[in-house]
Amino acid sequence: AKRELWQEGSASRLELEKQIRRFLCLNLLGDAACHARLRFSFARPKTPLEQESLAELHFLQLQTAPEIWCRLELAPLQLKS
């Protein structure tokens, strides 16, 4: 079984390489997730039409300050290569 791991194209080696690629991919995603950034956007609409436009852009009215609208986004993850 040990020799089979070193043989090019063997089932054991292919499986091991697949598991290594999966581990490296998950490691990259985990590292990127640990450095994730949140982006806050604020707006103060003056008309109902502006409020409609903000709602379409996923802004929500703040309960504690109804004149201010806010959107929370996850900034794109940065994967190291």
C-alpha atoms as a PDB file:
ATOM      1  CA  ALA A   1       0.000   0.000   0.000  1.00  0.00           C
ATOM      2  CA  LYS A   2       2.880   2.386   0.747  1.00  0.00           C
ATOM      3  CA  ARG A   3       4.421   1.814  -2.678  1.00  0.00           C
ATOM      4  CA  GLU A   4       1.120   2.494  -4.398  1.00  0.00           C
ATOM      5  CA  LEU A   5       1.039   6.047  -3.003  1.00  0.00           C
ATOM      6  CA  TRP A   6       4.189   6.898  -4.927  1.00  0.00           C
ATOM      7  CA  GLN A   7       3.063   5.364  -8.221  1.00  0.00           C
ATOM      8  CA  GLU A   8       1.891   8.000 -10.699  1.00  0.00           C
ATOM      9  CA  GLY A   9      -1.836   7.598 -11.420  1.00  0.00           C
ATOM     10  CA  SER A  10      -2.538   4.975  -8.732  1.00  0.00           C
ATOM     11  CA  ALA A  11      -5.940   5.111  -7.041  1.00  0.00           C
ATOM     12  CA  SER A  12      -4.382   5.760  -3.621  1.00  0.00           C
ATOM     13  CA  ARG A  13      -2.260   8.608  -4.918  1.00  0.00           C
ATOM     14  CA  LEU A  14      -5.150  10.197  -6.822  1.00  0.00           C
ATOM     15  CA  GLU A  15      -7.317  10.056  -3.696  1.00  0.00           C
ATOM     16  CA  LEU A  16      -4.541  11.546  -1.566  1.00  0.00           C
ATOM     17  CA  GLU A  17      -3.980  14.363  -4.085  1.00  0.00           C
ATOM     18  CA  LYS A  18      -7.721  15.040  -4.146  1.00  0.00           C
ATOM     19  CA  GLN A  19      -7.814  15.287  -0.339  1.00  0.00           C
ATOM     20  CA  ILE A  20      -4.768  17.583  -0.319  1.00  0.00           C
ATOM     21  CA  ARG A  21      -6.376  19.925  -2.896  1.00  0.00           C
ATOM     22  CA  ARG A  22      -9.590  19.978  -0.835  1.00  0.00           C
ATOM     23  CA  PHE A  23      -7.660  20.770   2.353  1.00  0.00           C
ATOM     24  CA  LEU A  24      -5.721  23.589   0.669  1.00  0.00           C
ATOM     25  CA  CYS A  25      -8.908  25.061  -0.779  1.00  0.00           C
ATOM     26  CA  LEU A  26     -10.689  24.975   2.594  1.00  0.00           C
ATOM     27  CA  ASN A  27      -7.606  26.442   4.240  1.00  0.00           C
ATOM     28  CA  LEU A  28      -7.635  29.385   1.798  1.00  0.00           C
ATOM     29  CA  LEU A  29     -11.349  29.971   2.370  1.00  0.00           C
ATOM     30  CA  GLY A  30     -10.928  29.777   6.139  1.00  0.00           C
ATOM     31  CA  ASP A  31      -8.063  32.253   6.057  1.00  0.00           C
ATOM     32  CA  ALA A  32     -10.074  34.659   3.894  1.00  0.00           C
ATOM     33  CA  ALA A  33     -13.100  34.316   6.203  1.00  0.00           C
ATOM     34  CA  CYS A  34     -10.921  35.181   9.216  1.00  0.00           C
ATOM     35  CA  HIS A  35     -10.038  38.462   7.509  1.00  0.00           C
ATOM     36  CA  ALA A  36     -13.539  39.268   6.275  1.00  0.00           C
ATOM     37  CA  ARG A  37     -14.655  42.893   6.323  1.00  0.00           C
ATOM     38  CA  LEU A  38     -18.105  44.368   6.725  1.00  0.00           C
ATOM     39  CA  ARG A  39     -19.064  47.483   4.795  1.00  0.00           C
ATOM     40  CA  PHE A  40     -21.701  49.868   6.160  1.00  0.00           C
ATOM     41  CA  SER A  41     -23.433  52.343   3.854  1.00  0.00           C
ATOM     42  CA  PHE A  42     -25.683  55.114   5.108  1.00  0.00           C
ATOM     43  CA  ALA A  43     -28.121  57.377   3.289  1.00  0.00           C
ATOM     44  CA  ARG A  44     -30.646  60.057   4.170  1.00  0.00           C
ATOM     45  CA  PRO A  45     -33.396  60.043   1.531  1.00  0.00           C
ATOM     46  CA  LYS A  46     -35.427  63.212   1.127  1.00  0.00           C
ATOM     47  CA  THR A  47     -38.341  61.915  -0.957  1.00  0.00           C
ATOM     48  CA  PRO A  48     -40.475  58.777  -1.070  1.00  0.00           C
ATOM     49  CA  LEU A  49     -38.974  58.024  -4.499  1.00  0.00           C
ATOM     50  CA  GLU A  50     -35.477  58.045  -2.977  1.00  0.00           C
ATOM     51  CA  GLN A  51     -36.735  55.740  -0.211  1.00  0.00           C
ATOM     52  CA  GLU A  52     -38.067  53.314  -2.849  1.00  0.00           C
ATOM     53  CA  SER A  53     -34.726  53.368  -4.654  1.00  0.00           C
ATOM     54  CA  LEU A  54     -32.845  52.654  -1.431  1.00  0.00           C
ATOM     55  CA  ALA A  55     -35.196  49.786  -0.577  1.00  0.00           C
ATOM     56  CA  GLU A  56     -34.464  48.267  -4.014  1.00  0.00           C
ATOM     57  CA  LEU A  57     -30.749  48.495  -3.162  1.00  0.00           C
ATOM     58  CA  HIS A  58     -31.347  46.562   0.093  1.00  0.00           C
ATOM     59  CA  PHE A  59     -31.129  49.555   2.428  1.00  0.00           C
ATOM     60  CA  LEU A  60     -33.202  49.407   5.612  1.00  0.00           C
ATOM     61  CA  GLN A  61     -34.581  52.237   7.714  1.00  0.00           C
ATOM     62  CA  LEU A  62     -32.959  52.502  11.140  1.00  0.00           C
ATOM     63  CA  GLN A  63     -35.456  52.047  13.959  1.00  0.00           C
ATOM     64  CA  THR A  64     -33.687  54.464  16.279  1.00  0.00           C
ATOM     65  CA  ALA A  65     -33.264  57.150  13.596  1.00  0.00           C
ATOM     66  CA  PRO A  66     -35.939  56.653  10.902  1.00  0.00           C
ATOM     67  CA  GLU A  67     -34.519  59.430   8.704  1.00  0.00           C
ATOM     68  CA  ILE A  68     -31.359  57.369   8.184  1.00  0.00           C
ATOM     69  CA  TRP A  69     -31.178  54.260   6.028  1.00  0.00           C
ATOM     70  CA  CYS A  70     -28.411  51.684   6.276  1.00  0.00           C
ATOM     71  CA  ARG A  71     -27.042  48.748   4.300  1.00  0.00           C
ATOM     72  CA  LEU A  72     -24.625  46.118   5.600  1.00  0.00           C
ATOM     73  CA  GLU A  73     -22.514  44.141   3.126  1.00  0.00           C
ATOM     74  CA  LEU A  74     -19.793  41.566   3.322  1.00  0.00           C
ATOM     75  CA  ALA A  75     -16.847  42.923   1.326  1.00  0.00           C
ATOM     76  CA  PRO A  76     -15.471  40.473  -1.252  1.00  0.00           C
ATOM     77  CA  LEU A  77     -13.186  37.894   0.317  1.00  0.00           C
ATOM     78  CA  GLN A  78      -9.519  38.193  -0.594  1.00  0.00           C
ATOM     79  CA  LEU A  79      -8.042  34.778  -1.399  1.00  0.00           C
ATOM     80  CA  LYS A  80      -4.257  34.513  -1.230  1.00  0.00           C
ATOM     81  CA  SER A  81      -2.675  32.606  -4.059  1.00  0.00           C
END
